[in-house]
């Protein structure tokens, strides 16, 4: 069967994450149900990776194998009419049968949005900063994340991980119009990694944790550090590179 690569956007607010789970509403589950209705047979969707409950995506990538003779453009048109307004399939393109959305990905980009003043319009996409924080310290902390590190202290334990080493190419904060946006690009991410990094950098900005302690934990995974996990709603998967 021909294989196709999909680019998907979704608002994760009311989903229990990407991956199919029993008795839970998930993005993958909703898409598989829509595709199966259109082609009238079960369809398995393989994503590049999972996102947790409440996390959003602008460029989630997945692949599917479709029955011969399926018109991919008509499939996407019909599926977009079936899924909820919180999900939208932007594109579909045929790829080689060997393509794998997860294993062929080389880099992934995430963005975490923080706001200095509460905004009802941004409440599902942003997290409110503390009243007092030092953004310069947070900028310095972000710079320390670049390079290859063992991010075990900044992730949720997962026995399936073959390694906790990740290579971070970009890690920076950008301040603009009341927003403090953190952007990170890496070859791979561990579960809860971005949220724990952001939460811990907020602690640094508040003066509750030193840059020295943060750097020590990045250099030595056995170093005991009191990390903090930022809420899910500020996080968005921006892009996956192949």
Foldseek 3Di string as FASTA:
>chain_A
DWKKKWWKWFQQAQFQKADDDPPGHHVQVLLQVLLCVVLVHGKHKAWQDIAGRLATARTTMIMTDDDPPDDVVVSQVSSQVRGDPRMHTDDMDTDDPPDGNHPPFFKWKKKFKEFQDDDPVCVLAYHYADPAFAVVQLQVLQVLLAAWFQQVVQADDDPPDPGSIKHKHDWGWDDDDRMTMIMTMIRDHHHLRVQQSVQQSSCCRVVNDDSVLSNVCRHDVVRDDDTDGHDNSRMYTYHIHD
